[in-house]
Amino acid sequence: MKLKKLLGSAILIFTLVFFSNVFAEKPEEKTKSEAYFPEQTFTFDRVLEGSQVIHDFVIKNKGNGPLAVERVKSS
């Protein structure tokens, strides 16, 4: 009887240790930024020389990490 309890306890402990990975928290996926531009280009109309022209370009981050805009270039 004592041997059955000992064997049962050992099996229970082994099962808990073996399946502990199932209940463990999964590590977060590697964070990665993903820039998305709804508007790729914008063509300005004719303007008088010296006039100020403004247009806002929207950049969305569809990733799960921080997005840093390090450089902007016009053509």
N, C-alpha and C. Protein backbone atom coordinates (compact mmCIF):
# COMPACT_ATOMS: atom_id res chain seq x y z
N MET A 1 0.82 -1.19 0.00
CA MET A 1 0.00 0.00 0.00
C MET A 1 0.87 1.26 0.00
N LYS A 2 1.93 1.26 0.84
CA LYS A 2 2.83 2.39 0.90
C LYS A 2 3.56 2.56 -0.43
N LEU A 3 3.91 1.46 -1.06
CA LEU A 3 4.60 1.50 -2.35
C LEU A 3 3.69 2.08 -3.43
N LYS A 4 2.40 1.76 -3.40
CA LYS A 4 1.45 2.30 -4.38
C LYS A 4 1.33 3.82 -4.22
N LYS A 5 1.28 4.30 -2.97
CA LYS A 5 1.18 5.75 -2.75
C LYS A 5 2.44 6.45 -3.23
N LEU A 6 3.59 5.84 -2.94
CA LEU A 6 4.86 6.41 -3.36
C LEU A 6 4.96 6.44 -4.88
N LEU A 7 4.58 5.36 -5.52
CA LEU A 7 4.60 5.29 -6.98
C LEU A 7 3.60 6.28 -7.58
N GLY A 8 2.43 6.39 -7.00
CA GLY A 8 1.42 7.34 -7.48
C GLY A 8 1.91 8.78 -7.34
N SER A 9 2.55 9.09 -6.24
CA SER A 9 3.10 10.44 -6.03
C SER A 9 4.21 10.73 -7.03
N ALA A 10 5.06 9.75 -7.28
CA ALA A 10 6.15 9.93 -8.23
C ALA A 10 5.61 10.18 -9.64
N ILE A 11 4.59 9.43 -10.01
CA ILE A 11 3.99 9.61 -11.34
C ILE A 11 3.34 10.99 -11.43
N LEU A 12 2.67 11.42 -10.38
CA LEU A 12 2.03 12.73 -10.36
C LEU A 12 3.06 13.84 -10.50
N ILE A 13 4.14 13.74 -9.74
CA ILE A 13 5.21 14.75 -9.81
C ILE A 13 5.84 14.75 -11.20
N PHE A 14 6.13 13.59 -11.75
CA PHE A 14 6.71 13.50 -13.08
C PHE A 14 5.79 14.14 -14.12
N THR A 15 4.48 13.86 -14.02
CA THR A 15 3.51 14.40 -14.97
C THR A 15 3.45 15.92 -14.87
N LEU A 16 3.43 16.45 -13.65
CA LEU A 16 3.39 17.90 -13.47
C LEU A 16 4.64 18.57 -14.04
N VAL A 17 5.80 18.00 -13.79
CA VAL A 17 7.04 18.57 -14.31
C VAL A 17 7.08 18.45 -15.83
N PHE A 18 6.68 17.32 -16.35
CA PHE A 18 6.73 17.09 -17.80
C PHE A 18 5.81 18.05 -18.55
N PHE A 19 4.62 18.30 -18.02
CA PHE A 19 3.65 19.16 -18.70
C PHE A 19 3.68 20.60 -18.23
N SER A 20 4.66 20.97 -17.42
CA SER A 20 4.72 22.35 -16.93
C SER A 20 4.93 23.34 -18.06
N ASN A 21 5.54 22.93 -19.15
CA ASN A 21 5.74 23.81 -20.29
C ASN A 21 4.42 24.20 -20.94
N VAL A 22 3.43 23.38 -20.83
CA VAL A 22 2.13 23.68 -21.42
C VAL A 22 1.51 24.89 -20.73
N PHE A 23 1.71 24.98 -19.42
CA PHE A 23 1.10 26.05 -18.64
C PHE A 23 2.03 27.24 -18.44
N ALA A 24 3.28 27.10 -18.81
CA ALA A 24 4.23 28.19 -18.63
C ALA A 24 3.92 29.32 -19.61
N GLU A 25 4.25 30.55 -19.20
CA GLU A 25 4.06 31.69 -20.09
C GLU A 25 5.01 31.57 -21.26
N LYS A 26 4.47 31.85 -22.43
CA LYS A 26 5.32 31.81 -23.62
C LYS A 26 6.06 33.14 -23.70
N PRO A 27 7.32 33.10 -24.10
CA PRO A 27 8.06 34.36 -24.22
C PRO A 27 7.44 35.23 -25.32
N GLU A 28 7.51 36.55 -25.10
CA GLU A 28 6.95 37.45 -26.11
C GLU A 28 7.70 37.30 -27.42
N GLU A 29 6.95 37.49 -28.49
CA GLU A 29 7.59 37.44 -29.80
C GLU A 29 8.56 38.60 -29.89
N LYS A 30 9.57 38.42 -30.69
CA LYS A 30 10.56 39.47 -30.86
C LYS A 30 9.87 40.73 -31.37
N THR A 31 10.15 41.85 -30.72
CA THR A 31 9.50 43.08 -31.14
C THR A 31 10.11 43.56 -32.45
N LYS A 32 9.24 44.00 -33.33
CA LYS A 32 9.68 44.45 -34.64
C LYS A 32 8.74 45.55 -35.09
N SER A 33 9.31 46.62 -35.62
CA SER A 33 8.49 47.70 -36.15
C SER A 33 8.18 47.41 -37.62
N GLU A 34 7.05 47.92 -38.07
CA GLU A 34 6.65 47.73 -39.47
C GLU A 34 5.96 49.00 -39.94
N ALA A 35 6.68 49.81 -40.71
CA ALA A 35 6.14 51.08 -41.19
C ALA A 35 5.14 50.83 -42.31
N TYR A 36 4.02 51.54 -42.24
CA TYR A 36 2.98 51.45 -43.26
C TYR A 36 2.62 52.86 -43.69
N PHE A 37 2.65 53.11 -44.98
CA PHE A 37 2.34 54.41 -45.55
C PHE A 37 1.06 54.30 -46.37
N PRO A 38 -0.08 54.77 -45.85
CA PRO A 38 -1.33 54.72 -46.62
C PRO A 38 -1.22 55.50 -47.93
N GLU A 39 -0.42 56.56 -47.92
CA GLU A 39 -0.24 57.40 -49.10
C GLU A 39 1.24 57.39 -49.47
N GLN A 40 1.59 56.76 -50.58
CA GLN A 40 3.00 56.63 -50.97
C GLN A 40 3.58 57.93 -51.52
N THR A 41 2.79 58.66 -52.29
CA THR A 41 3.28 59.91 -52.90
C THR A 41 2.18 60.97 -52.82
N PHE A 42 2.60 62.20 -53.00
CA PHE A 42 1.66 63.31 -53.07
C PHE A 42 2.20 64.30 -54.08
N THR A 43 1.39 64.71 -55.03
CA THR A 43 1.80 65.67 -56.05
C THR A 43 1.21 67.03 -55.70
N PHE A 44 2.07 67.99 -55.49
CA PHE A 44 1.61 69.34 -55.18
C PHE A 44 1.18 70.06 -56.45
N ASP A 45 0.18 70.92 -56.34
CA ASP A 45 -0.22 71.77 -57.46
C ASP A 45 0.83 72.87 -57.63
N ARG A 46 0.67 73.65 -58.69
CA ARG A 46 1.58 74.79 -58.91
C ARG A 46 1.39 75.80 -57.78
N VAL A 47 2.52 76.36 -57.34
CA VAL A 47 2.48 77.37 -56.28
C VAL A 47 3.36 78.54 -56.68
N LEU A 48 3.06 79.68 -56.13
CA LEU A 48 3.89 80.86 -56.38
C LEU A 48 5.20 80.72 -55.62
N GLU A 49 6.27 81.18 -56.22
CA GLU A 49 7.57 81.11 -55.58
C GLU A 49 7.52 81.85 -54.25
N GLY A 50 8.06 81.24 -53.23
CA GLY A 50 8.09 81.83 -51.91
C GLY A 50 6.89 81.47 -51.04
N SER A 51 5.89 80.81 -51.64
CA SER A 51 4.71 80.40 -50.88
C SER A 51 5.04 79.20 -50.01
N GLN A 52 4.37 79.09 -48.89
CA GLN A 52 4.56 77.94 -48.01
C GLN A 52 3.54 76.87 -48.38
N VAL A 53 4.01 75.66 -48.59
CA VAL A 53 3.15 74.53 -48.94
C VAL A 53 3.31 73.47 -47.87
N ILE A 54 2.19 73.00 -47.36
CA ILE A 54 2.24 72.01 -46.28
C ILE A 54 1.39 70.80 -46.65
N HIS A 55 1.92 69.62 -46.36
CA HIS A 55 1.16 68.38 -46.52
C HIS A 55 1.63 67.42 -45.43
N ASP A 56 0.71 66.80 -44.73
CA ASP A 56 1.05 65.83 -43.69
C ASP A 56 1.04 64.43 -44.28
N PHE A 57 2.15 63.73 -44.13
CA PHE A 57 2.23 62.33 -44.52
C PHE A 57 2.00 61.49 -43.26
N VAL A 58 1.12 60.52 -43.34
CA VAL A 58 0.81 59.65 -42.21
C VAL A 58 1.67 58.40 -42.29
N ILE A 59 2.29 58.06 -41.19
CA ILE A 59 3.07 56.82 -41.08
C ILE A 59 2.47 56.03 -39.94
N LYS A 60 2.09 54.80 -40.21
CA LYS A 60 1.53 53.94 -39.16
C LYS A 60 2.50 52.82 -38.85
N ASN A 61 2.56 52.45 -37.59
CA ASN A 61 3.40 51.34 -37.17
C ASN A 61 2.49 50.12 -36.99
N LYS A 62 2.60 49.17 -37.89
CA LYS A 62 1.78 47.96 -37.80
C LYS A 62 2.51 46.83 -37.08
N GLY A 63 3.69 47.12 -36.56
CA GLY A 63 4.44 46.12 -35.81
C GLY A 63 4.17 46.24 -34.33
N ASN A 64 4.91 45.47 -33.55
CA ASN A 64 4.73 45.49 -32.10
C ASN A 64 5.91 46.13 -31.38
N GLY A 65 6.85 46.68 -32.14
CA GLY A 65 8.00 47.36 -31.54
C GLY A 65 7.95 48.83 -31.87
N PRO A 66 8.82 49.62 -31.24
CA PRO A 66 8.83 51.06 -31.52
C PRO A 66 9.33 51.36 -32.93
N LEU A 67 8.75 52.39 -33.53
CA LEU A 67 9.13 52.81 -34.88
C LEU A 67 9.82 54.16 -34.78
N ALA A 68 11.03 54.25 -35.29
CA ALA A 68 11.77 55.51 -35.28
C ALA A 68 11.99 55.96 -36.72
N VAL A 69 11.56 57.18 -37.03
CA VAL A 69 11.81 57.77 -38.35
C VAL A 69 13.13 58.50 -38.25
N GLU A 70 14.15 57.98 -38.91
CA GLU A 70 15.49 58.53 -38.77
C GLU A 70 15.89 59.44 -39.92
N ARG A 71 15.20 59.31 -41.06
CA ARG A 71 15.58 60.10 -42.22
C ARG A 71 14.38 60.28 -43.11
N VAL A 72 14.25 61.47 -43.70
CA VAL A 72 13.18 61.77 -44.65
C VAL A 72 13.83 62.36 -45.88
N LYS A 73 13.38 61.92 -47.06
CA LYS A 73 13.99 62.36 -48.31
C LYS A 73 12.90 62.76 -49.30
N SER A 74 13.10 63.84 -49.99
CA SER A 74 12.16 64.24 -51.04
C SER A 74 12.81 64.02 -52.38
N SER A 75 11.98 63.89 -53.41
CA SER A 75 12.56 63.68 -54.74
C SER A 75 12.55 64.94 -55.55
